[in-house]
Amino acid sequence: MRAMEEYLRTVPDIDWTIMRPGRLVDGDVKRPYLKEPETPSRRYTTRRDLAKAILDDLDSGADVHQAVAVTSR
């Protein structure tokens, strides 16, 4: 994974976003998820929150060429 991330950072003509969830757990989307640069600051991410974060990011393109940590609140 580290090699893949290092490679992506060297290729400017590919739009990429690295999503780093906390420990994945089952659960509902009840509150907005938290998205921070690089490393998760909380313990877990629901699978639904991660899926929503990925879809939201695809729509917005806000985090192209960045690594973001997604965690549930």
PDB file of N, CA and C in Angstrom:
ATOM      1  N   MET A   1       0.823  -1.174   0.000  1.00  0.00           N
ATOM      2  CA  MET A   1       0.000   0.000   0.000  1.00  0.00           C
ATOM      3  C   MET A   1       0.877   1.251   0.000  1.00  0.00           C
ATOM      4  N   ARG A   2       1.919   1.231   0.785  1.00  0.00           N
ATOM      5  CA  ARG A   2       2.808   2.393   0.847  1.00  0.00           C
ATOM      6  C   ARG A   2       3.430   2.676  -0.522  1.00  0.00           C
ATOM      7  N   ALA A   3       3.854   1.624  -1.231  1.00  0.00           N
ATOM      8  CA  ALA A   3       4.441   1.799  -2.559  1.00  0.00           C
ATOM      9  C   ALA A   3       3.424   2.391  -3.534  1.00  0.00           C
ATOM     10  N   MET A   4       2.179   1.928  -3.454  1.00  0.00           N
ATOM     11  CA  MET A   4       1.128   2.455  -4.318  1.00  0.00           C
ATOM     12  C   MET A   4       0.897   3.937  -4.035  1.00  0.00           C
ATOM     13  N   GLU A   5       0.846   4.309  -2.774  1.00  0.00           N
ATOM     14  CA  GLU A   5       0.640   5.714  -2.422  1.00  0.00           C
ATOM     15  C   GLU A   5       1.812   6.567  -2.894  1.00  0.00           C
ATOM     16  N   GLU A   6       3.019   6.085  -2.716  1.00  0.00           N
ATOM     17  CA  GLU A   6       4.193   6.833  -3.173  1.00  0.00           C
ATOM     18  C   GLU A   6       4.160   7.003  -4.688  1.00  0.00           C
ATOM     19  N   TYR A   7       3.781   5.963  -5.403  1.00  0.00           N
ATOM     20  CA  TYR A   7       3.682   6.049  -6.856  1.00  0.00           C
ATOM     21  C   TYR A   7       2.628   7.078  -7.269  1.00  0.00           C
ATOM     22  N   LEU A   8       1.448   7.027  -6.661  1.00  0.00           N
ATOM     23  CA  LEU A   8       0.387   7.971  -7.021  1.00  0.00           C
ATOM     24  C   LEU A   8       0.845   9.417  -6.860  1.00  0.00           C
ATOM     25  N   ARG A   9       1.613   9.676  -5.830  1.00  0.00           N
ATOM     26  CA  ARG A   9       2.066  11.050  -5.574  1.00  0.00           C
ATOM     27  C   ARG A   9       3.019  11.556  -6.652  1.00  0.00           C
ATOM     28  N   THR A  10       3.574  10.651  -7.465  1.00  0.00           N
ATOM     29  CA  THR A  10       4.506  11.060  -8.524  1.00  0.00           C
ATOM     30  C   THR A  10       3.831  11.205  -9.885  1.00  0.00           C
ATOM     31  N   VAL A  11       2.550  10.862  -9.981  1.00  0.00           N
ATOM     32  CA  VAL A  11       1.866  10.856 -11.283  1.00  0.00           C
ATOM     33  C   VAL A  11       0.819  11.980 -11.312  1.00  0.00           C
ATOM     34  N   PRO A  12       1.161  13.108 -11.933  1.00  0.00           N
ATOM     35  CA  PRO A  12       0.246  14.248 -11.918  1.00  0.00           C
ATOM     36  C   PRO A  12      -0.963  14.115 -12.848  1.00  0.00           C
ATOM     37  N   ASP A  13      -0.918  13.205 -13.806  1.00  0.00           N
ATOM     38  CA  ASP A  13      -2.011  13.129 -14.774  1.00  0.00           C
ATOM     39  C   ASP A  13      -3.101  12.136 -14.383  1.00  0.00           C
ATOM     40  N   ILE A  14      -3.063  11.622 -13.164  1.00  0.00           N
ATOM     41  CA  ILE A  14      -4.104  10.745 -12.635  1.00  0.00           C
ATOM     42  C   ILE A  14      -4.785  11.472 -11.476  1.00  0.00           C
ATOM     43  N   ASP A  15      -6.102  11.549 -11.515  1.00  0.00           N
ATOM     44  CA  ASP A  15      -6.837  12.102 -10.372  1.00  0.00           C
ATOM     45  C   ASP A  15      -7.037  10.994  -9.355  1.00  0.00           C
ATOM     46  N   TRP A  16      -6.489  11.160  -8.173  1.00  0.00           N
ATOM     47  CA  TRP A  16      -6.588  10.139  -7.137  1.00  0.00           C
ATOM     48  C   TRP A  16      -6.879  10.796  -5.794  1.00  0.00           C
ATOM     49  N   THR A  17      -7.485  10.029  -4.932  1.00  0.00           N
ATOM     50  CA  THR A  17      -7.684  10.399  -3.528  1.00  0.00           C
ATOM     51  C   THR A  17      -7.474   9.136  -2.711  1.00  0.00           C
ATOM     52  N   ILE A  18      -6.663   9.217  -1.698  1.00  0.00           N
ATOM     53  CA  ILE A  18      -6.432   8.096  -0.795  1.00  0.00           C
ATOM     54  C   ILE A  18      -7.366   8.268   0.395  1.00  0.00           C
ATOM     55  N   MET A  19      -8.206   7.268   0.643  1.00  0.00           N
ATOM     56  CA  MET A  19      -9.121   7.291   1.789  1.00  0.00           C
ATOM     57  C   MET A  19      -8.563   6.366   2.862  1.00  0.00           C
ATOM     58  N   ARG A  20      -8.369   6.892   4.042  1.00  0.00           N
ATOM     59  CA  ARG A  20      -7.840   6.109   5.164  1.00  0.00           C
ATOM     60  C   ARG A  20      -8.878   6.065   6.278  1.00  0.00           C
ATOM     61  N   PRO A  21      -9.690   5.032   6.290  1.00  0.00           N
ATOM     62  CA  PRO A  21     -10.699   4.934   7.347  1.00  0.00           C
ATOM     63  C   PRO A  21     -10.084   4.445   8.653  1.00  0.00           C
ATOM     64  N   GLY A  22     -10.819   4.700   9.734  1.00  0.00           N
ATOM     65  CA  GLY A  22     -10.476   4.052  10.999  1.00  0.00           C
ATOM     66  C   GLY A  22     -10.898   2.588  10.913  1.00  0.00           C
ATOM     67  N   ARG A  23     -10.932   1.895  12.032  1.00  0.00           N
ATOM     68  CA  ARG A  23     -11.374   0.494  12.036  1.00  0.00           C
ATOM     69  C   ARG A  23     -12.790   0.422  11.479  1.00  0.00           C
ATOM     70  N   LEU A  24     -12.992  -0.407  10.456  1.00  0.00           N
ATOM     71  CA  LEU A  24     -14.310  -0.497   9.823  1.00  0.00           C
ATOM     72  C   LEU A  24     -15.276  -1.323  10.657  1.00  0.00           C
ATOM     73  N   VAL A  25     -16.460  -0.775  10.868  1.00  0.00           N
ATOM     74  CA  VAL A  25     -17.506  -1.454  11.624  1.00  0.00           C
ATOM     75  C   VAL A  25     -18.829  -1.302  10.895  1.00  0.00           C
ATOM     76  N   ASP A  26     -19.773  -2.191  11.190  1.00  0.00           N
ATOM     77  CA  ASP A  26     -21.122  -2.049  10.660  1.00  0.00           C
ATOM     78  C   ASP A  26     -21.835  -0.955  11.440  1.00  0.00           C
ATOM     79  N   GLY A  27     -22.756  -0.289  10.804  1.00  0.00           N
ATOM     80  CA  GLY A  27     -23.519   0.749  11.491  1.00  0.00           C
ATOM     81  C   GLY A  27     -24.211   1.639  10.509  1.00  0.00           C
ATOM     82  N   ASP A  28     -25.134   2.438  11.020  1.00  0.00           N
ATOM     83  CA  ASP A  28     -25.894   3.359  10.192  1.00  0.00           C
ATOM     84  C   ASP A  28     -25.182   4.695  10.069  1.00  0.00           C
ATOM     85  N   VAL A  29     -25.561   5.439   9.047  1.00  0.00           N
ATOM     86  CA  VAL A  29     -25.103   6.812   8.894  1.00  0.00           C
ATOM     87  C   VAL A  29     -26.074   7.670   9.683  1.00  0.00           C
ATOM     88  N   LYS A  30     -25.656   8.169  10.834  1.00  0.00           N
ATOM     89  CA  LYS A  30     -26.550   8.944  11.685  1.00  0.00           C
ATOM     90  C   LYS A  30     -26.116  10.398  11.782  1.00  0.00           C
ATOM     91  N   ARG A  31     -24.855  10.632  11.829  1.00  0.00           N
ATOM     92  CA  ARG A  31     -24.327  11.989  11.907  1.00  0.00           C
ATOM     93  C   ARG A  31     -23.320  12.167  10.780  1.00  0.00           C
ATOM     94  N   PRO A  32     -22.976  13.386  10.448  1.00  0.00           N
ATOM     95  CA  PRO A  32     -21.965  13.568   9.407  1.00  0.00           C
ATOM     96  C   PRO A  32     -20.640  12.920   9.816  1.00  0.00           C
ATOM     97  N   TYR A  33     -19.991  12.314   8.861  1.00  0.00           N
ATOM     98  CA  TYR A  33     -18.671  11.746   9.109  1.00  0.00           C
ATOM     99  C   TYR A  33     -17.659  12.881   9.237  1.00  0.00           C
ATOM    100  N   LEU A  34     -16.490  12.559   9.756  1.00  0.00           N
ATOM    101  CA  LEU A  34     -15.408  13.524   9.914  1.00  0.00           C
ATOM    102  C   LEU A  34     -14.329  13.182   8.893  1.00  0.00           C
ATOM    103  N   LYS A  35     -13.839  14.175   8.181  1.00  0.00           N
ATOM    104  CA  LYS A  35     -12.786  13.971   7.185  1.00  0.00           C
ATOM    105  C   LYS A  35     -11.631  14.904   7.520  1.00  0.00           C
ATOM    106  N   GLU A  36     -10.457  14.324   7.749  1.00  0.00           N
ATOM    107  CA  GLU A  36      -9.280  15.090   8.129  1.00  0.00           C
ATOM    108  C   GLU A  36      -8.105  14.677   7.252  1.00  0.00           C
ATOM    109  N   PRO A  37      -7.080  15.506   7.164  1.00  0.00           N
ATOM    110  CA  PRO A  37      -5.904  15.125   6.386  1.00  0.00           C
ATOM    111  C   PRO A  37      -5.184  13.923   6.997  1.00  0.00           C
ATOM    112  N   GLU A  38      -4.764  13.016   6.136  1.00  0.00           N
ATOM    113  CA  GLU A  38      -3.836  11.933   6.443  1.00  0.00           C
ATOM    114  C   GLU A  38      -4.326  10.803   7.357  1.00  0.00           C
ATOM    115  N   THR A  39      -4.248  10.947   8.678  1.00  0.00           N
ATOM    116  CA  THR A  39      -4.421   9.812   9.587  1.00  0.00           C
ATOM    117  C   THR A  39      -5.682   9.946  10.436  1.00  0.00           C
ATOM    118  N   PRO A  40      -6.463   8.853  10.568  1.00  0.00           N
ATOM    119  CA  PRO A  40      -7.678   8.925  11.384  1.00  0.00           C
ATOM    120  C   PRO A  40      -7.382   9.361  12.816  1.00  0.00           C
ATOM    121  N   SER A  41      -8.231  10.238  13.342  1.00  0.00           N
ATOM    122  CA  SER A  41      -8.040  10.703  14.720  1.00  0.00           C
ATOM    123  C   SER A  41      -8.997  10.016  15.675  1.00  0.00           C
ATOM    124  N   ARG A  42      -9.936   9.264  15.121  1.00  0.00           N
ATOM    125  CA  ARG A  42     -10.907   8.563  15.974  1.00  0.00           C
ATOM    126  C   ARG A  42     -10.760   7.070  15.770  1.00  0.00           C
ATOM    127  N   ARG A  43     -11.484   6.300  16.521  1.00  0.00           N
ATOM    128  CA  ARG A  43     -11.281   4.862  16.552  1.00  0.00           C
ATOM    129  C   ARG A  43     -11.894   4.088  15.408  1.00  0.00           C
ATOM    130  N   TYR A  44     -13.032   4.515  14.872  1.00  0.00           N
ATOM    131  CA  TYR A  44     -13.719   3.654  13.908  1.00  0.00           C
ATOM    132  C   TYR A  44     -14.401   4.464  12.806  1.00  0.00           C
ATOM    133  N   THR A  45     -14.738   3.747  11.737  1.00  0.00           N
ATOM    134  CA  THR A  45     -15.506   4.300  10.631  1.00  0.00           C
ATOM    135  C   THR A  45     -16.552   3.269  10.253  1.00  0.00           C
ATOM    136  N   THR A  46     -17.804   3.693  10.174  1.00  0.00           N
ATOM    137  CA  THR A  46     -18.802   2.740   9.702  1.00  0.00           C
ATOM    138  C   THR A  46     -18.617   2.564   8.195  1.00  0.00           C
ATOM    139  N   ARG A  47     -18.936   1.386   7.724  1.00  0.00           N
ATOM    140  CA  ARG A  47     -18.819   1.120   6.291  1.00  0.00           C
ATOM    141  C   ARG A  47     -19.694   2.083   5.489  1.00  0.00           C
ATOM    142  N   ARG A  48     -20.850   2.411   6.019  1.00  0.00           N
ATOM    143  CA  ARG A  48     -21.748   3.343   5.328  1.00  0.00           C
ATOM    144  C   ARG A  48     -21.165   4.749   5.273  1.00  0.00           C
ATOM    145  N   ASP A  49     -20.511   5.186   6.354  1.00  0.00           N
ATOM    146  CA  ASP A  49     -19.869   6.502   6.332  1.00  0.00           C
ATOM    147  C   ASP A  49     -18.742   6.534   5.303  1.00  0.00           C
ATOM    148  N   LEU A  50     -17.965   5.463   5.230  1.00  0.00           N
ATOM    149  CA  LEU A  50     -16.884   5.418   4.253  1.00  0.00           C
ATOM    150  C   LEU A  50     -17.439   5.463   2.832  1.00  0.00           C
ATOM    151  N   ALA A  51     -18.481   4.685   2.572  1.00  0.00           N
ATOM    152  CA  ALA A  51     -19.094   4.688   1.241  1.00  0.00           C
ATOM    153  C   ALA A  51     -19.622   6.078   0.900  1.00  0.00           C
ATOM    154  N   LYS A  52     -20.278   6.729   1.860  1.00  0.00           N
ATOM    155  CA  LYS A  52     -20.809   8.074   1.620  1.00  0.00           C
ATOM    156  C   LYS A  52     -19.678   9.058   1.359  1.00  0.00           C
ATOM    157  N   ALA A  53     -18.591   8.953   2.121  1.00  0.00           N
ATOM    158  CA  ALA A  53     -17.450   9.853   1.926  1.00  0.00           C
ATOM    159  C   ALA A  53     -16.847   9.674   0.538  1.00  0.00           C
ATOM    160  N   ILE A  54     -16.735   8.434   0.083  1.00  0.00           N
ATOM    161  CA  ILE A  54     -16.176   8.170  -1.249  1.00  0.00           C
ATOM    162  C   ILE A  54     -17.086   8.776  -2.318  1.00  0.00           C
ATOM    163  N   LEU A  55     -18.387   8.532  -2.210  1.00  0.00           N
ATOM    164  CA  LEU A  55     -19.321   9.075  -3.205  1.00  0.00           C
ATOM    165  C   LEU A  55     -19.351  10.604  -3.174  1.00  0.00           C
ATOM    166  N   ASP A  56     -19.335  11.194  -1.971  1.00  0.00           N
ATOM    167  CA  ASP A  56     -19.316  12.651  -1.861  1.00  0.00           C
ATOM    168  C   ASP A  56     -18.060  13.223  -2.510  1.00  0.00           C
ATOM    169  N   ASP A  57     -16.936  12.552  -2.301  1.00  0.00           N
ATOM    170  CA  ASP A  57     -15.673  13.029  -2.857  1.00  0.00           C
ATOM    171  C   ASP A  57     -15.654  12.912  -4.373  1.00  0.00           C
ATOM    172  N   LEU A  58     -16.255  11.852  -4.892  1.00  0.00           N
ATOM    173  CA  LEU A  58     -16.340  11.714  -6.349  1.00  0.00           C
ATOM    174  C   LEU A  58     -17.138  12.855  -6.957  1.00  0.00           C
ATOM    175  N   ASP A  59     -18.214  13.250  -6.282  1.00  0.00           N
ATOM    176  CA  ASP A  59     -19.050  14.346  -6.777  1.00  0.00           C
ATOM    177  C   ASP A  59     -18.343  15.697  -6.698  1.00  0.00           C
ATOM    178  N   SER A  60     -17.641  15.935  -5.597  1.00  0.00           N
ATOM    179  CA  SER A  60     -17.063  17.261  -5.375  1.00  0.00           C
ATOM    180  C   SER A  60     -15.652  17.414  -5.933  1.00  0.00           C
ATOM    181  N   GLY A  61     -14.877  16.334  -5.927  1.00  0.00           N
ATOM    182  CA  GLY A  61     -13.481  16.429  -6.345  1.00  0.00           C
ATOM    183  C   GLY A  61     -12.635  17.248  -5.386  1.00  0.00           C
ATOM    184  N   ALA A  62     -13.117  17.418  -4.181  1.00  0.00           N
ATOM    185  CA  ALA A  62     -12.457  18.296  -3.205  1.00  0.00           C
ATOM    186  C   ALA A  62     -11.084  17.806  -2.747  1.00  0.00           C
ATOM    187  N   ASP A  63     -10.859  16.525  -2.807  1.00  0.00           N
ATOM    188  CA  ASP A  63      -9.626  15.981  -2.227  1.00  0.00           C
ATOM    189  C   ASP A  63      -8.712  15.315  -3.255  1.00  0.00           C
ATOM    190  N   VAL A  64      -8.772  15.783  -4.490  1.00  0.00           N
ATOM    191  CA  VAL A  64      -7.915  15.213  -5.530  1.00  0.00           C
ATOM    192  C   VAL A  64      -6.456  15.457  -5.157  1.00  0.00           C
ATOM    193  N   HIS A  65      -5.627  14.429  -5.302  1.00  0.00           N
ATOM    194  CA  HIS A  65      -4.194  14.450  -4.986  1.00  0.00           C
ATOM    195  C   HIS A  65      -3.932  14.645  -3.486  1.00  0.00           C
ATOM    196  N   GLN A  66      -4.822  14.093  -2.663  1.00  0.00           N
ATOM    197  CA  GLN A  66      -4.656  14.168  -1.220  1.00  0.00           C
ATOM    198  C   GLN A  66      -4.993  12.839  -0.569  1.00  0.00           C
ATOM    199  N   ALA A  67      -4.467  12.650   0.619  1.00  0.00           N
ATOM    200  CA  ALA A  67      -4.867  11.523   1.468  1.00  0.00           C
ATOM    201  C   ALA A  67      -5.746  12.088   2.574  1.00  0.00           C
ATOM    202  N   VAL A  68      -6.898  11.478   2.797  1.00  0.00           N
ATOM    203  CA  VAL A  68      -7.807  11.945   3.835  1.00  0.00           C
ATOM    204  C   VAL A  68      -8.220  10.792   4.720  1.00  0.00           C
ATOM    205  N   ALA A  69      -8.415  11.091   5.982  1.00  0.00           N
ATOM    206  CA  ALA A  69      -8.872  10.101   6.943  1.00  0.00           C
ATOM    207  C   ALA A  69     -10.358  10.320   7.179  1.00  0.00           C
ATOM    208  N   VAL A  70     -11.115   9.249   7.089  1.00  0.00           N
ATOM    209  CA  VAL A  70     -12.565   9.314   7.288  1.00  0.00           C
ATOM    210  C   VAL A  70     -12.915   8.549   8.558  1.00  0.00           C
ATOM    211  N   THR A  71     -13.581   9.207   9.477  1.00  0.00           N
ATOM    212  CA  THR A  71     -14.015   8.540  10.705  1.00  0.00           C
ATOM    213  C   THR A  71     -15.454   8.921  11.017  1.00  0.00           C
ATOM    214  N   SER A  72     -16.124   8.068  11.748  1.00  0.00           N
ATOM    215  CA  SER A  72     -17.492   8.329  12.170  1.00  0.00           C
ATOM    216  C   SER A  72     -17.471   9.138  13.451  1.00  0.00           C
ATOM    217  N   ARG A  73     -18.457  10.001  13.588  1.00  0.00           N
ATOM    218  CA  ARG A  73     -18.521  10.842  14.804  1.00  0.00           C
ATOM    219  C   ARG A  73     -19.287  10.145  15.892  1.00  0.00           C
TER     220      ARG A  73
END
